[in-house]
Structures are given as structure tokens and as C-alpha cells.
């Protein structure tokens, strides 16, 4: 499951973020404990704890003392806002710059996007 180039704790945090974004994990839902992660994926519990700490610091997860980690209310919306901002900065803005160089108008881009989108 975790085989990317990023450090393992980053991959774990990214997987949890993705699960929150897709709805696989919902607000107030409990996530696996660090021990469960360590046992399930055969990793060091400290690695999972580092991922959880990052997510707590971001406000995606919160800890209920003695119970475990839970998805924070509004975490999905927060992650969507961050991903949308990244999408525009990393995908749309460079695309528009390239379109300017190629003398492609916004209307032509919108037409192509609608064509690729297909019927609703």
C-alpha cells in the first residue's frame, strides 16, 4: 500500500487525507490507532504517530483522550479548499500561461473542457 518515494509518515497522512476527501472517512469517525497502523502495515508505531501528529496540527484529526483519533468537523471542506487552491496554482495557472504563448483563447479552452466533460 505504501510504496512511494515520500517518507512513510507522509504517505500515511496523504492516504488519510484522501480518505477524508473521498468520504471513506467522515467527520467524527474514528481512525485506526497508531498501534493498529503499525500492526496492519508492519511499520514502526512512531511513524504512524508522526503522520497523526501532522494531521492534528493541520486540524484534520483530533484526539479524544483515552479513546483515539477522530476526523475533525469541517476537515473535508478544509482539505477541499486546500486542494482547489493547489489545483488552480499548479494546473490552471500554468495551463493559461502556456495557452497565452500558443495564442489559445479562454473560450477555446472552455469549449475543449466541455467537449471532454461529456454529457451530464
C-alpha atoms as a PDB file:
ATOM      1  CA  UNK A   1       0.000   0.000   0.000  1.00  0.00           C
ATOM      2  CA  UNK A   2       2.757   2.434   0.919  1.00  0.00           C
ATOM      3  CA  UNK A   3       5.463   2.272  -1.704  1.00  0.00           C
ATOM      4  CA  UNK A   4       6.037   5.818  -2.935  1.00  0.00           C
ATOM      5  CA  UNK A   5       9.188   7.888  -2.722  1.00  0.00           C
ATOM      6  CA  UNK A   6       7.855  10.104   0.052  1.00  0.00           C
ATOM      7  CA  UNK A   7       8.615   9.208   3.666  1.00  0.00           C
ATOM      8  CA  UNK A   8       6.187   6.640   5.046  1.00  0.00           C
ATOM      9  CA  UNK A   9       4.576   9.068   7.510  1.00  0.00           C
ATOM     10  CA  UNK A  10       3.817  11.447   4.607  1.00  0.00           C
ATOM     11  CA  UNK A  11       2.222   8.597   2.646  1.00  0.00           C
ATOM     12  CA  UNK A  12       0.086   7.652   5.658  1.00  0.00           C
ATOM     13  CA  UNK A  13      -1.030  11.252   6.159  1.00  0.00           C
ATOM     14  CA  UNK A  14      -1.800  11.578   2.435  1.00  0.00           C
ATOM     15  CA  UNK A  15      -3.848   8.371   2.499  1.00  0.00           C
ATOM     16  CA  UNK A  16      -5.910   9.638   5.428  1.00  0.00           C
ATOM     17  CA  UNK A  17      -6.389  13.000   3.680  1.00  0.00           C
ATOM     18  CA  UNK A  18      -7.584  11.152   0.552  1.00  0.00           C
ATOM     19  CA  UNK A  19      -9.955   9.028   2.636  1.00  0.00           C
ATOM     20  CA  UNK A  20     -11.427  12.187   4.158  1.00  0.00           C
ATOM     21  CA  UNK A  21     -11.763  13.833   0.734  1.00  0.00           C
ATOM     22  CA  UNK A  22     -13.484  10.835  -0.845  1.00  0.00           C
ATOM     23  CA  UNK A  23     -15.781  10.333   2.128  1.00  0.00           C
ATOM     24  CA  UNK A  24     -14.265   6.993   3.121  1.00  0.00           C
ATOM     25  CA  UNK A  25     -13.635   8.719   6.463  1.00  0.00           C
ATOM     26  CA  UNK A  26     -16.325  11.131   7.646  1.00  0.00           C
ATOM     27  CA  UNK A  27     -16.406  13.856  10.277  1.00  0.00           C
ATOM     28  CA  UNK A  28     -16.351  12.462  13.816  1.00  0.00           C
ATOM     29  CA  UNK A  29     -15.387   8.999  12.550  1.00  0.00           C
ATOM     30  CA  UNK A  30     -12.596   7.249  14.410  1.00  0.00           C
ATOM     31  CA  UNK A  31      -9.428   6.370  12.519  1.00  0.00           C
ATOM     32  CA  UNK A  32      -7.169   3.418  13.192  1.00  0.00           C
ATOM     33  CA  UNK A  33      -4.846   3.858  16.126  1.00  0.00           C
ATOM     34  CA  UNK A  34      -1.083   4.098  15.707  1.00  0.00           C
ATOM     35  CA  UNK A  35      -0.848   0.559  17.078  1.00  0.00           C
ATOM     36  CA  UNK A  36      -3.389  -0.693  14.540  1.00  0.00           C
ATOM     37  CA  UNK A  37      -1.469   1.031  11.733  1.00  0.00           C
ATOM     38  CA  UNK A  38       1.792  -0.465  12.965  1.00  0.00           C
ATOM     39  CA  UNK A  39       0.318  -3.953  13.174  1.00  0.00           C
ATOM     40  CA  UNK A  40      -1.657  -3.805   9.926  1.00  0.00           C
ATOM     41  CA  UNK A  41       1.114  -2.329   7.774  1.00  0.00           C
ATOM     42  CA  UNK A  42       4.092  -3.675   9.746  1.00  0.00           C
ATOM     43  CA  UNK A  43       5.588  -0.280  10.429  1.00  0.00           C
ATOM     44  CA  UNK A  44       7.042   1.443  13.449  1.00  0.00           C
ATOM     45  CA  UNK A  45       4.282   2.954  15.632  1.00  0.00           C
ATOM     46  CA  UNK A  46       6.302   6.170  15.817  1.00  0.00           C
ATOM     47  CA  UNK A  47       5.951   6.521  12.046  1.00  0.00           C
ATOM     48  CA  UNK A  48       2.165   6.367  12.255  1.00  0.00           C
ATOM     49  CA  UNK A  49       2.224   8.722  15.247  1.00  0.00           C
ATOM     50  CA  UNK A  50       4.210  11.264  13.221  1.00  0.00           C
ATOM     51  CA  UNK A  51       1.571  11.164  10.470  1.00  0.00           C
ATOM     52  CA  UNK A  52      -1.213  11.599  13.014  1.00  0.00           C
ATOM     53  CA  UNK A  53       0.597  14.497  14.667  1.00  0.00           C
ATOM     54  CA  UNK A  54       0.867  16.231  11.291  1.00  0.00           C
ATOM     55  CA  UNK A  55      -2.859  15.750  10.680  1.00  0.00           C
ATOM     56  CA  UNK A  56      -3.754  17.006  14.171  1.00  0.00           C
ATOM     57  CA  UNK A  57      -1.574  20.089  13.604  1.00  0.00           C
ATOM     58  CA  UNK A  58      -3.453  20.714  10.332  1.00  0.00           C
ATOM     59  CA  UNK A  59      -6.833  20.328  12.013  1.00  0.00           C
ATOM     60  CA  UNK A  60      -7.803  17.234  10.008  1.00  0.00           C
ATOM     61  CA  UNK A  61      -7.804  14.937  13.046  1.00  0.00           C
ATOM     62  CA  UNK A  62      -8.274  15.485  16.745  1.00  0.00           C
ATOM     63  CA  UNK A  63      -7.638  13.286  19.745  1.00  0.00           C
ATOM     64  CA  UNK A  64     -10.197  12.198  22.303  1.00  0.00           C
ATOM     65  CA  UNK A  65      -8.183  11.395  25.374  1.00  0.00           C
ATOM     66  CA  UNK A  66      -8.264   7.690  26.126  1.00  0.00           C
ATOM     67  CA  UNK A  67     -10.428   6.904  23.097  1.00  0.00           C
ATOM     68  CA  UNK A  68      -8.401   7.643  19.965  1.00  0.00           C
ATOM     69  CA  UNK A  69      -8.150   9.856  16.904  1.00  0.00           C
ATOM     70  CA  UNK A  70     -11.169  11.181  15.038  1.00  0.00           C
ATOM     71  CA  UNK A  71     -11.799  13.151  11.860  1.00  0.00           C
ATOM     72  CA  UNK A  72     -12.406  16.781  12.748  1.00  0.00           C
ATOM     73  CA  UNK A  73     -15.649  18.504  11.838  1.00  0.00           C
ATOM     74  CA  UNK A  74     -15.040  20.521   8.662  1.00  0.00           C
ATOM     75  CA  UNK A  75     -11.884  18.568   7.740  1.00  0.00           C
ATOM     76  CA  UNK A  76     -13.223  17.614   4.303  1.00  0.00           C
ATOM     77  CA  UNK A  77     -14.131  21.199   3.458  1.00  0.00           C
ATOM     78  CA  UNK A  78     -10.720  22.391   4.655  1.00  0.00           C
ATOM     79  CA  UNK A  79      -8.928  19.800   2.523  1.00  0.00           C
ATOM     80  CA  UNK A  80     -11.105  20.594  -0.497  1.00  0.00           C
ATOM     81  CA  UNK A  81     -10.258  24.288  -0.192  1.00  0.00           C
ATOM     82  CA  UNK A  82      -6.539  23.487   0.025  1.00  0.00           C
ATOM     83  CA  UNK A  83      -6.645  21.084  -2.926  1.00  0.00           C
ATOM     84  CA  UNK A  84      -8.664  23.501  -5.045  1.00  0.00           C
ATOM     85  CA  UNK A  85      -6.173  26.288  -4.362  1.00  0.00           C
ATOM     86  CA  UNK A  86      -3.315  23.940  -5.296  1.00  0.00           C
ATOM     87  CA  UNK A  87      -5.151  22.843  -8.436  1.00  0.00           C
ATOM     88  CA  UNK A  88      -5.511  26.409  -9.662  1.00  0.00           C
ATOM     89  CA  UNK A  89      -1.939  27.335  -8.744  1.00  0.00           C
ATOM     90  CA  UNK A  90      -0.287  24.189 -10.083  1.00  0.00           C
ATOM     91  CA  UNK A  91      -2.519  23.221 -13.025  1.00  0.00           C
ATOM     92  CA  UNK A  92      -4.759  26.030 -14.225  1.00  0.00           C
ATOM     93  CA  UNK A  93      -2.379  28.986 -13.985  1.00  0.00           C
ATOM     94  CA  UNK A  94       0.472  27.232 -15.838  1.00  0.00           C
ATOM     95  CA  UNK A  95      -2.036  25.995 -18.436  1.00  0.00           C
ATOM     96  CA  UNK A  96      -3.308  29.529 -19.005  1.00  0.00           C
ATOM     97  CA  UNK A  97       0.244  30.825 -19.326  1.00  0.00           C
ATOM     98  CA  UNK A  98       1.002  28.156 -21.922  1.00  0.00           C
ATOM     99  CA  UNK A  99      -2.268  28.966 -23.705  1.00  0.00           C
ATOM    100  CA  UNK A 100      -1.212  32.619 -23.937  1.00  0.00           C
ATOM    101  CA  UNK A 101       2.083  31.574 -25.525  1.00  0.00           C
ATOM    102  CA  UNK A 102       0.195  29.392 -28.017  1.00  0.00           C
ATOM    103  CA  UNK A 103      -2.425  32.085 -28.651  1.00  0.00           C
ATOM    104  CA  UNK A 104      -5.264  29.901 -27.389  1.00  0.00           C
ATOM    105  CA  UNK A 105      -8.195  31.893 -26.046  1.00  0.00           C
ATOM    106  CA  UNK A 106     -10.103  31.112 -22.873  1.00  0.00           C
ATOM    107  CA  UNK A 107     -13.249  30.399 -24.902  1.00  0.00           C
ATOM    108  CA  UNK A 108     -11.402  27.729 -26.862  1.00  0.00           C
ATOM    109  CA  UNK A 109     -10.166  26.172 -23.617  1.00  0.00           C
ATOM    110  CA  UNK A 110     -13.660  26.190 -22.134  1.00  0.00           C
ATOM    111  CA  UNK A 111     -15.098  24.620 -25.303  1.00  0.00           C
ATOM    112  CA  UNK A 112     -12.472  21.849 -25.164  1.00  0.00           C
ATOM    113  CA  UNK A 113     -13.167  21.229 -21.469  1.00  0.00           C
ATOM    114  CA  UNK A 114     -16.896  20.974 -22.124  1.00  0.00           C
ATOM    115  CA  UNK A 115     -16.235  18.599 -25.019  1.00  0.00           C
ATOM    116  CA  UNK A 116     -14.068  16.356 -22.798  1.00  0.00           C
ATOM    117  CA  UNK A 117     -16.548  16.547 -19.910  1.00  0.00           C
ATOM    118  CA  UNK A 118     -19.287  14.903 -21.953  1.00  0.00           C
ATOM    119  CA  UNK A 119     -22.997  14.841 -21.125  1.00  0.00           C
ATOM    120  CA  UNK A 120     -24.147  15.236 -17.566  1.00  0.00           C
END
